[in-house]
Structure formats: C-alpha cells, structure tokens
Amino acid sequence: MMENNKVFKLLKKIPEGKITTYKEIGLKLNLNPRKVGRILSENEDLENIKCYKVVKSDGKVGGYKLGIKEKIKRLEKEGIKVENGKIVDFGRRVFRFS
C-alpha cells in the first residue's frame, strides 16, 4: 500500500500537457515498471490521480482502466497529440522526476 501512495503522489507532480512513463516512475521509486502498471490499474480516484498521463517508454499509449479510447481522449484534452497509438513529440512531452 505504501508503494501505491508513492506512485500516486508522483503522478500529482506531472504538469498539464506532460506525460511520464512506467519506467520513469519505476526508476524514481526503485520499482519494476510492470509493478507500476499494476499499481495504476488499482487506482480508484481517476479524476484526481491522473494515471492516463503514464505511457510506455516507446511512446505507445498503453492500457487504461477506462479503455484506450478514453485515455487518448484525456491526453488530447491536455494538448497531447496521439497518432496511431503513439504520443507525437514524445521526447518533448516526457516529464522526468528530479
């Protein structure tokens, strides 16, 4: 449960119009990126803990509790363009935790 809180706390630091990756979160918290994905899948507060902002390291959108179409819709609402399931300007959009 403590790991969940740490992951969710990090998500709140991602600014509007930015995304991060499962790997970035994993590196910051010393967690396997797959575990990060599992933790995100347990998110019950989708409005305040914006797990749709987490994508794969190769820029692909990845999964989402409400479905990929909804994830893309939420990303695009923040000005993040998605084409063929991948983030456009991926490198410029990634938020790296300091």
Protein backbone atom coordinates (compact mmCIF):
# COMPACT_ATOMS: atom_id res chain seq x y z
CA MET A 1 0.00 0.00 0.00
CA MET A 2 2.90 2.34 0.74
CA GLU A 3 4.21 1.86 -2.83
CA ASN A 4 0.77 2.78 -4.19
CA ASN A 5 0.81 6.06 -2.27
CA LYS A 6 4.29 6.89 -3.54
CA VAL A 7 3.27 6.23 -7.16
CA PHE A 8 0.07 8.26 -6.83
CA LYS A 9 1.96 11.12 -5.16
CA LEU A 10 4.40 11.26 -8.09
CA LEU A 11 1.55 11.44 -10.58
CA LYS A 12 0.29 14.61 -8.96
CA LYS A 13 3.61 16.29 -9.82
CA ILE A 14 3.17 15.90 -13.59
CA PRO A 15 2.27 19.28 -15.09
CA GLU A 16 -0.54 19.89 -17.56
CA GLY A 17 0.48 18.90 -21.08
CA LYS A 18 3.17 16.49 -19.90
CA ILE A 19 3.31 12.72 -19.54
CA THR A 20 5.67 10.24 -17.95
CA THR A 21 6.44 6.56 -18.41
CA TYR A 22 6.08 3.45 -16.31
CA LYS A 23 9.87 3.21 -16.50
CA GLU A 24 10.44 6.79 -15.23
CA ILE A 25 8.24 6.12 -12.21
CA GLY A 26 9.95 2.78 -11.68
CA LEU A 27 13.40 4.35 -11.76
CA LYS A 28 12.39 7.08 -9.32
CA LEU A 29 10.84 4.63 -6.83
CA ASN A 30 13.05 1.60 -7.50
CA LEU A 31 10.08 -0.44 -8.76
CA ASN A 32 9.66 -2.71 -11.76
CA PRO A 33 7.71 -0.80 -14.46
CA ARG A 34 5.22 -3.69 -14.61
CA LYS A 35 4.53 -3.25 -10.92
CA VAL A 36 3.93 0.45 -11.57
CA GLY A 37 1.35 -0.57 -14.18
CA ARG A 38 -0.35 -2.93 -11.73
CA ILE A 39 -0.49 -0.21 -9.09
CA LEU A 40 -2.02 2.22 -11.59
CA SER A 41 -4.64 -0.37 -12.54
CA GLU A 42 -5.81 -0.28 -8.90
CA ASN A 43 -6.40 3.50 -8.96
CA GLU A 44 -9.92 4.20 -7.71
CA ASP A 45 -9.68 8.01 -7.98
CA LEU A 46 -9.24 8.57 -11.71
CA GLU A 47 -10.20 12.25 -11.58
CA ASN A 48 -7.57 13.28 -9.03
CA ILE A 49 -4.87 10.68 -9.71
CA LYS A 50 -4.33 11.05 -13.44
CA CYS A 51 -2.84 7.72 -14.40
CA TYR A 52 -3.76 8.33 -18.05
CA LYS A 53 -0.62 10.52 -18.10
CA VAL A 54 1.60 7.40 -17.87
CA VAL A 55 2.62 5.76 -21.15
CA LYS A 56 5.11 3.18 -22.37
CA SER A 57 8.80 4.03 -22.84
CA ASP A 58 8.48 3.73 -26.61
CA GLY A 59 5.76 6.39 -26.71
CA LYS A 60 2.86 3.97 -27.13
CA VAL A 61 -0.21 4.88 -25.11
CA GLY A 62 -0.52 1.60 -23.17
CA GLY A 63 -3.55 0.47 -21.19
CA TYR A 64 -6.08 2.33 -19.11
CA LYS A 65 -8.82 1.27 -16.73
CA LEU A 66 -11.49 3.10 -18.79
CA GLY A 67 -10.09 1.90 -22.12
CA ILE A 68 -7.52 3.20 -24.58
CA LYS A 69 -10.00 5.48 -26.39
CA GLU A 70 -10.74 7.28 -23.12
CA LYS A 71 -7.02 7.54 -22.33
CA ILE A 72 -6.36 9.14 -25.71
CA LYS A 73 -9.32 11.49 -25.24
CA ARG A 74 -7.96 12.66 -21.88
CA LEU A 75 -4.44 13.09 -23.24
CA GLU A 76 -5.69 15.10 -26.21
CA LYS A 77 -7.76 17.29 -23.88
CA GLU A 78 -4.41 18.34 -22.36
CA GLY A 79 -3.00 19.11 -25.78
CA ILE A 80 -1.04 15.88 -26.12
CA LYS A 81 -1.46 14.61 -29.67
CA VAL A 82 -1.72 10.88 -30.32
CA GLU A 83 -1.29 9.26 -33.75
CA ASN A 84 -1.51 5.53 -34.42
CA GLY A 85 -1.47 4.82 -30.69
CA LYS A 86 1.74 6.78 -30.05
CA ILE A 87 2.45 10.16 -28.47
CA VAL A 88 3.50 12.80 -31.00
CA ASP A 89 6.56 14.76 -29.77
CA PHE A 90 7.09 12.03 -27.19
CA GLY A 91 10.57 13.16 -26.07
CA ARG A 92 9.45 16.75 -25.61
CA ARG A 93 6.37 15.70 -23.62
CA VAL A 94 8.02 13.40 -21.07
CA PHE A 95 8.25 14.78 -17.55
CA ARG A 96 11.30 13.48 -15.72
CA PHE A 97 11.26 13.45 -11.94
CA SER A 98 14.25 15.14 -10.33
